[in-house]
Amino acid sequence: MRRYCRLLAILTAFVLLLTACDGGGEEVGDELSPIPDEQPSPDVPPVSGEADDESAVTPEPDTTQKPDAAPVPDEPDTTPEPGADEPEEVAHLSGGLLPEVNVVGEGIHIGELSYDVRPGSCTVYVPEKGAYVPFLVLTADDTGNTLLLRRDILPDARPFNSYSATYPDSAIDRYLNTEYIQYLDAVQPLIRFTDIAVTAPDALGVSGDAVQTVQREIFLLSCTETGFTELVNAGKEGDALSYFTDPAHRTASRENGTAASWWLRTPDTYYLSAAYGIGADGSLGSGNAYNENGVRPAFRVPSDTDAFPTTDIVQGQTVYFLSAG
């Protein structure tokens, strides 16, 4: 028995010695190494310096102010320096030099320049805002006054009104008789208050044709006066003018020569907020009163007012001009 125990002890010691000799080798196991914190998850692609699909990325706008940016050539900065004088306004295509002109002959009554008398030459130059501007002399009426109409459309388009197309006290009516009339200060003593027919307010919205009379110094022409006399949704405002029997005479341009539409004082009575105007091609149309269209002011002066000839307004031509002096 003692011999057997001693043999077992020797064998156990031998096994321990072999195990100690193999302890320096790599341990192999079934467990995976932990994923380092910096390693991305296998389901998420690694982030690179550029997006794979640039079309799916909306860049933030670059709001950095560019140094010493050059101004856009087509839109120069015309803002005057603080305290600078306003530039003097001069006429370009409106026919004019400043009002100081020389008379080169006898004067003629303005009524004798009307289209009814002189259809080939019915223009008179009127001082407007410091320059002579051409006006058409349309007709001398039986009240002793002669009707003038600005040949070219004013530079700025304007709305007829904020909503209602009733002409009296509309935005365009107020503009003509408070602001624009000041541009005619050199001849304002000649301008007469005259009766004009306008559509009655209760005609709007019901295709009515009722009219009433108001007095104005400056006004717009009507559908009837420009030759549109057979309209269903309009009243008869005044009498047709012989000048507009030629449809080509209904077209008008701005002073730069560009044809444009222009307002009439007649509302389209099918609506509450629509007024008639003449298009750039001379056709009649109507639009919302708050739309902007061209403006051609008209007014009357006494038919026996003298117009004087001069060669100082249009180079190489003798034309007539109007003066209150």
Protein backbone atom coordinates (compact mmCIF):
# COMPACT_ATOMS: atom_id res chain seq x y z
CA MET A 1 0.00 0.00 0.00
CA ARG A 2 2.77 2.44 0.93
CA ARG A 3 4.47 1.55 -2.33
CA TYR A 4 1.25 2.41 -4.27
CA CYS A 5 0.81 5.81 -2.57
CA ARG A 6 4.40 6.76 -3.27
CA LEU A 7 3.91 5.91 -6.96
CA LEU A 8 0.75 8.04 -7.15
CA ALA A 9 2.54 11.01 -5.63
CA ILE A 10 5.35 10.73 -8.18
CA LEU A 11 2.88 10.66 -11.09
CA THR A 12 1.02 13.72 -9.75
CA ALA A 13 4.23 15.70 -9.48
CA PHE A 14 5.18 14.79 -13.04
CA VAL A 15 1.82 16.04 -14.39
CA LEU A 16 2.22 19.38 -12.54
CA LEU A 17 5.69 19.79 -13.97
CA LEU A 18 4.41 19.37 -17.56
CA THR A 19 1.65 21.90 -16.98
CA ALA A 20 4.14 24.47 -15.70
CA CYS A 21 6.29 24.03 -18.81
CA ASP A 22 3.32 24.78 -21.23
CA GLY A 23 2.11 27.96 -19.37
CA GLY A 24 4.05 30.38 -21.71
CA GLY A 25 1.95 29.46 -24.82
CA GLU A 26 -1.05 31.52 -26.25
CA GLU A 27 -4.31 30.76 -24.56
CA VAL A 28 -7.04 29.90 -27.09
CA GLY A 29 -10.64 30.41 -26.12
CA ASP A 30 -14.06 30.84 -27.68
CA GLU A 31 -14.66 34.42 -26.38
CA LEU A 32 -14.33 37.43 -28.81
CA SER A 33 -12.25 40.42 -28.00
CA PRO A 34 -14.27 43.42 -26.88
CA ILE A 35 -14.90 46.14 -29.56
CA PRO A 36 -12.86 49.23 -28.78
CA ASP A 37 -14.89 52.36 -27.99
CA GLU A 38 -13.50 54.16 -31.08
CA GLN A 39 -14.51 51.42 -33.54
CA PRO A 40 -17.76 52.14 -35.40
CA SER A 41 -20.65 49.74 -35.28
CA PRO A 42 -20.70 47.36 -38.28
CA ASP A 43 -24.13 48.72 -39.30
CA VAL A 44 -22.92 52.33 -39.64
CA PRO A 45 -20.51 53.25 -42.45
CA PRO A 46 -17.41 55.04 -41.38
CA VAL A 47 -17.47 58.84 -41.63
CA SER A 48 -15.15 60.23 -44.29
CA GLY A 49 -14.14 63.72 -45.23
CA GLU A 50 -16.66 63.93 -48.11
CA ALA A 51 -20.24 62.72 -48.33
CA ASP A 52 -20.74 59.76 -50.62
CA ASP A 53 -23.80 61.41 -52.24
CA GLU A 54 -23.24 65.15 -52.50
CA SER A 55 -26.68 65.70 -54.00
CA ALA A 56 -28.28 64.70 -50.70
CA VAL A 57 -26.36 67.33 -48.80
CA THR A 58 -27.66 70.93 -48.72
CA PRO A 59 -24.77 73.24 -47.97
CA GLU A 60 -25.33 76.16 -45.67
CA PRO A 61 -25.32 79.47 -47.55
CA ASP A 62 -22.09 81.40 -47.42
CA THR A 63 -22.98 84.61 -45.65
CA THR A 64 -19.42 85.80 -45.33
CA GLN A 65 -19.10 89.35 -46.60
CA LYS A 66 -16.73 89.41 -49.53
CA PRO A 67 -14.08 92.10 -49.06
CA ASP A 68 -14.05 95.02 -51.49
CA ALA A 69 -16.97 93.67 -53.53
CA ALA A 70 -17.38 95.55 -56.79
CA PRO A 71 -20.83 97.12 -57.45
CA VAL A 72 -23.06 95.51 -60.08
CA PRO A 73 -22.50 97.46 -63.33
CA ASP A 74 -26.20 97.46 -64.31
CA GLU A 75 -27.34 98.89 -60.98
CA PRO A 76 -24.97 101.69 -59.96
CA ASP A 77 -25.39 103.23 -56.55
CA THR A 78 -27.08 106.57 -57.19
CA THR A 79 -27.77 107.40 -53.54
CA PRO A 80 -26.67 111.00 -52.97
CA GLU A 81 -24.19 111.76 -50.23
CA PRO A 82 -25.74 113.21 -47.07
CA GLY A 83 -26.33 116.91 -47.57
CA ALA A 84 -25.74 116.73 -51.32
CA ASP A 85 -27.97 118.80 -53.54
CA GLU A 86 -30.67 117.00 -55.51
CA PRO A 87 -29.66 116.66 -59.19
CA GLU A 88 -31.45 119.00 -61.54
CA GLU A 89 -34.09 117.17 -63.58
CA VAL A 90 -33.89 117.68 -67.32
CA ALA A 91 -36.05 116.36 -70.12
CA HIS A 92 -34.65 113.84 -72.57
CA LEU A 93 -37.18 112.50 -75.05
CA SER A 94 -40.00 114.67 -73.80
CA GLY A 95 -38.86 117.43 -76.11
CA GLY A 96 -37.18 119.72 -73.95
CA LEU A 97 -34.79 122.23 -72.81
CA LEU A 98 -35.49 124.45 -69.85
CA PRO A 99 -38.32 126.98 -70.22
CA GLU A 100 -36.14 129.95 -71.20
CA VAL A 101 -36.82 130.08 -74.94
CA ASN A 102 -36.95 132.75 -77.62
CA VAL A 103 -40.09 133.62 -79.56
CA VAL A 104 -39.50 133.70 -83.32
CA GLY A 105 -42.88 134.90 -84.62
CA GLU A 106 -46.46 135.82 -83.89
CA GLY A 107 -48.49 133.83 -81.42
CA ILE A 108 -51.58 131.80 -82.33
CA HIS A 109 -54.65 130.97 -80.28
CA ILE A 110 -54.37 127.49 -78.82
CA GLY A 111 -57.81 126.62 -80.23
CA GLU A 112 -56.40 127.05 -83.74
CA LEU A 113 -53.84 124.33 -83.05
CA SER A 114 -56.49 121.70 -82.28
CA TYR A 115 -56.71 118.45 -84.21
CA ASP A 116 -60.10 119.55 -85.57
CA VAL A 117 -58.36 122.50 -87.28
CA ARG A 118 -54.82 121.25 -87.89
CA PRO A 119 -54.85 117.43 -87.91
CA GLY A 120 -51.29 117.23 -89.20
CA SER A 121 -49.76 119.42 -86.49
CA CYS A 122 -51.68 119.59 -83.24
CA THR A 123 -48.87 119.66 -80.68
CA VAL A 124 -48.00 122.33 -78.15
CA TYR A 125 -45.15 122.20 -75.64
CA VAL A 126 -46.09 122.79 -72.02
CA PRO A 127 -43.63 123.52 -69.18
CA GLU A 128 -43.80 120.54 -66.81
CA LYS A 129 -41.44 120.15 -63.89
CA GLY A 130 -38.76 122.32 -65.44
CA ALA A 131 -38.89 121.07 -69.04
CA TYR A 132 -41.08 121.53 -72.09
CA VAL A 133 -43.24 118.44 -72.68
CA PRO A 134 -45.40 117.79 -75.79
CA PHE A 135 -49.19 117.81 -75.37
CA LEU A 136 -51.74 117.02 -78.05
CA VAL A 137 -54.28 119.77 -78.72
CA LEU A 138 -57.41 117.65 -79.17
CA THR A 139 -60.41 119.93 -79.57
CA ALA A 140 -61.81 123.37 -78.86
CA ASP A 141 -65.22 122.93 -77.28
CA ASP A 142 -68.26 125.19 -77.22
CA THR A 143 -67.51 126.40 -73.70
CA GLY A 144 -64.56 128.43 -74.94
CA ASN A 145 -61.93 125.95 -73.70
CA THR A 146 -59.49 123.67 -75.50
CA LEU A 147 -58.64 120.13 -74.38
CA LEU A 148 -54.98 119.09 -74.09
CA LEU A 149 -53.68 115.53 -73.54
CA ARG A 150 -50.13 114.61 -72.63
CA ARG A 151 -48.64 112.95 -75.70
CA ASP A 152 -46.43 110.53 -73.76
CA ILE A 153 -47.28 108.42 -70.74
CA LEU A 154 -45.86 109.69 -67.47
CA PRO A 155 -42.66 107.89 -66.43
CA ASP A 156 -44.19 106.13 -63.41
CA ALA A 157 -47.09 103.66 -63.62
CA ARG A 158 -49.73 104.08 -60.92
CA PRO A 159 -52.73 102.21 -59.51
CA PHE A 160 -56.20 103.52 -60.24
CA ASN A 161 -57.26 103.06 -56.62
CA SER A 162 -56.77 100.71 -53.67
CA TYR A 163 -60.03 98.88 -54.41
CA SER A 164 -63.12 100.68 -55.71
CA ALA A 165 -63.09 101.76 -59.36
CA THR A 166 -65.21 104.85 -58.67
CA TYR A 167 -63.23 107.69 -60.26
CA PRO A 168 -64.02 110.74 -58.08
CA ASP A 169 -61.63 110.86 -55.12
CA SER A 170 -59.78 107.76 -56.31
CA ALA A 171 -56.03 107.52 -55.81
CA ILE A 172 -55.36 108.58 -59.40
CA ASP A 173 -57.84 111.48 -59.19
CA ARG A 174 -56.17 112.76 -56.01
CA TYR A 175 -52.68 112.38 -57.49
CA LEU A 176 -53.53 114.40 -60.58
CA ASN A 177 -55.15 117.27 -58.70
CA THR A 178 -52.81 117.54 -55.73
CA GLU A 179 -49.34 116.37 -56.81
CA TYR A 180 -49.15 116.35 -60.58
CA ILE A 181 -50.74 119.77 -60.98
CA GLN A 182 -47.80 121.22 -59.07
CA TYR A 183 -45.54 120.14 -61.95
CA LEU A 184 -47.51 122.53 -64.16
CA ASP A 185 -47.01 125.55 -61.93
CA ALA A 186 -45.75 127.67 -64.84
CA VAL A 187 -49.12 127.37 -66.61
CA GLN A 188 -51.42 126.53 -63.70
CA PRO A 189 -53.15 129.95 -63.93
CA LEU A 190 -54.38 128.91 -67.39
CA ILE A 191 -55.90 125.57 -66.31
CA ARG A 192 -59.66 125.70 -65.94
CA PHE A 193 -62.03 123.78 -63.70
CA THR A 194 -64.29 122.03 -66.16
CA ASP A 195 -67.22 119.64 -65.97
CA ILE A 196 -66.46 116.02 -66.72
CA ALA A 197 -68.96 113.13 -66.81
CA VAL A 198 -68.10 110.19 -64.57
CA THR A 199 -69.84 106.92 -63.80
CA ALA A 200 -72.05 107.06 -60.71
CA PRO A 201 -70.88 104.90 -57.77
CA ASP A 202 -74.14 102.92 -57.61
CA ALA A 203 -73.62 101.73 -61.20
CA LEU A 204 -70.65 99.57 -60.17
CA GLY A 205 -71.20 95.87 -59.67
CA VAL A 206 -74.55 95.82 -61.47
CA SER A 207 -73.45 96.63 -65.06
CA GLY A 208 -75.00 100.06 -64.66
CA ASP A 209 -74.55 103.05 -66.95
CA ALA A 210 -75.61 105.97 -64.75
CA VAL A 211 -73.31 109.00 -64.87
CA GLN A 212 -72.90 112.21 -62.92
CA THR A 213 -70.91 115.42 -63.37
CA VAL A 214 -67.95 116.61 -61.34
CA GLN A 215 -65.49 119.49 -61.80
CA ARG A 216 -61.80 118.87 -62.16
CA GLU A 217 -58.67 120.68 -63.32
CA ILE A 218 -56.66 117.56 -64.29
CA PHE A 219 -58.35 114.31 -65.29
CA LEU A 220 -58.15 111.11 -67.35
CA LEU A 221 -59.99 110.58 -70.60
CA SER A 222 -62.96 108.20 -70.78
CA CYS A 223 -63.94 105.22 -72.92
CA THR A 224 -66.46 107.38 -74.78
CA GLU A 225 -63.94 110.15 -75.49
CA THR A 226 -61.41 107.67 -76.91
CA GLY A 227 -64.00 106.20 -79.30
CA PHE A 228 -65.29 103.17 -77.36
CA THR A 229 -68.95 104.13 -77.40
CA GLU A 230 -70.79 100.78 -77.55
CA LEU A 231 -69.79 99.18 -74.26
CA VAL A 232 -72.36 97.26 -72.21
CA ASN A 233 -70.62 97.71 -68.86
CA ALA A 234 -69.89 101.42 -69.04
CA GLY A 235 -71.75 104.71 -68.95
CA LYS A 236 -71.49 107.47 -71.58
CA GLU A 237 -68.88 109.83 -70.22
CA GLY A 238 -68.56 112.84 -72.49
CA ASP A 239 -68.44 112.89 -76.29
CA ALA A 240 -66.24 111.00 -78.74
CA LEU A 241 -63.19 112.97 -79.86
CA SER A 242 -62.39 113.09 -83.56
CA TYR A 243 -58.70 112.48 -82.87
CA PHE A 244 -59.47 108.88 -81.83
CA THR A 245 -61.40 107.97 -84.98
CA ASP A 246 -58.00 106.70 -86.10
CA PRO A 247 -57.39 103.60 -83.94
CA ALA A 248 -53.63 104.13 -84.25
CA HIS A 249 -54.01 107.28 -82.17
CA ARG A 250 -54.99 105.19 -79.13
CA THR A 251 -51.51 103.78 -78.69
CA ALA A 252 -49.09 105.67 -76.49
CA SER A 253 -45.52 105.29 -75.33
CA ARG A 254 -43.39 106.27 -72.44
CA GLU A 255 -40.79 108.96 -73.06
CA ASN A 256 -38.20 106.27 -73.86
CA GLY A 257 -40.34 105.15 -76.82
CA THR A 258 -41.68 101.95 -75.23
CA ALA A 259 -45.39 101.39 -75.86
CA ALA A 260 -47.42 100.83 -72.69
CA SER A 261 -50.98 100.61 -71.40
CA TRP A 262 -52.70 103.64 -69.89
CA TRP A 263 -55.71 104.17 -67.63
CA LEU A 264 -59.05 105.66 -68.61
CA ARG A 265 -61.38 107.10 -65.98
CA THR A 266 -64.21 104.69 -66.85
CA PRO A 267 -64.97 101.77 -64.51
CA ASP A 268 -65.99 98.36 -65.84
CA THR A 269 -69.38 98.33 -64.10
CA TYR A 270 -69.74 94.55 -64.18
CA TYR A 271 -67.31 94.64 -61.26
CA LEU A 272 -66.79 96.80 -58.19
CA SER A 273 -63.04 97.03 -58.59
CA ALA A 274 -62.13 97.14 -62.27
CA ALA A 275 -61.37 100.06 -64.54
CA TYR A 276 -60.84 100.31 -68.28
CA GLY A 277 -57.56 101.10 -69.93
CA ILE A 278 -56.00 101.07 -73.38
CA GLY A 279 -53.34 98.47 -74.00
CA ALA A 280 -49.95 98.92 -75.61
CA ASP A 281 -51.48 97.71 -78.90
CA GLY A 282 -54.36 100.20 -78.73
CA SER A 283 -57.01 97.68 -77.68
CA LEU A 284 -59.44 98.23 -74.83
CA GLY A 285 -59.27 96.14 -71.69
CA SER A 286 -60.07 96.31 -67.99
CA GLY A 287 -58.10 95.39 -64.92
CA ASN A 288 -58.12 95.52 -61.14
CA ALA A 289 -58.08 99.06 -59.83
CA TYR A 290 -55.03 98.27 -57.69
CA ASN A 291 -52.98 97.26 -60.73
CA GLU A 292 -50.47 99.76 -62.05
CA ASN A 293 -50.84 101.28 -65.52
CA GLY A 294 -49.64 104.34 -67.36
CA VAL A 295 -51.11 107.81 -66.84
CA ARG A 296 -51.83 110.48 -69.47
CA PRO A 297 -53.10 113.69 -67.82
CA ALA A 298 -55.59 115.93 -69.62
CA PHE A 299 -56.77 119.46 -68.90
CA ARG A 300 -58.45 122.45 -70.54
CA VAL A 301 -57.23 125.98 -71.10
CA PRO A 302 -59.07 128.97 -72.64
CA SER A 303 -59.17 128.62 -76.40
CA ASP A 304 -57.92 132.18 -76.90
CA THR A 305 -54.71 131.50 -74.96
CA ASP A 306 -51.70 132.35 -77.13
CA ALA A 307 -49.13 129.72 -78.07
CA PHE A 308 -45.84 131.06 -79.37
CA PRO A 309 -43.40 129.68 -81.96
CA THR A 310 -39.79 128.91 -81.03
CA THR A 311 -36.79 127.01 -82.38
CA ASP A 312 -35.25 126.44 -78.95
CA ILE A 313 -37.23 123.38 -77.85
CA VAL A 314 -36.78 120.85 -80.66
CA GLN A 315 -33.55 121.21 -82.59
CA GLY A 316 -34.12 122.17 -86.21
CA GLN A 317 -37.88 122.64 -85.85
CA THR A 318 -40.24 125.48 -85.16
CA VAL A 319 -42.78 124.40 -82.56
CA TYR A 320 -45.35 126.15 -80.41
CA PHE A 321 -45.14 126.44 -76.65
CA LEU A 322 -47.58 127.51 -73.99
CA SER A 323 -46.78 130.21 -71.46
CA ALA A 324 -48.79 131.93 -68.78
CA GLY A 325 -46.51 134.99 -68.91
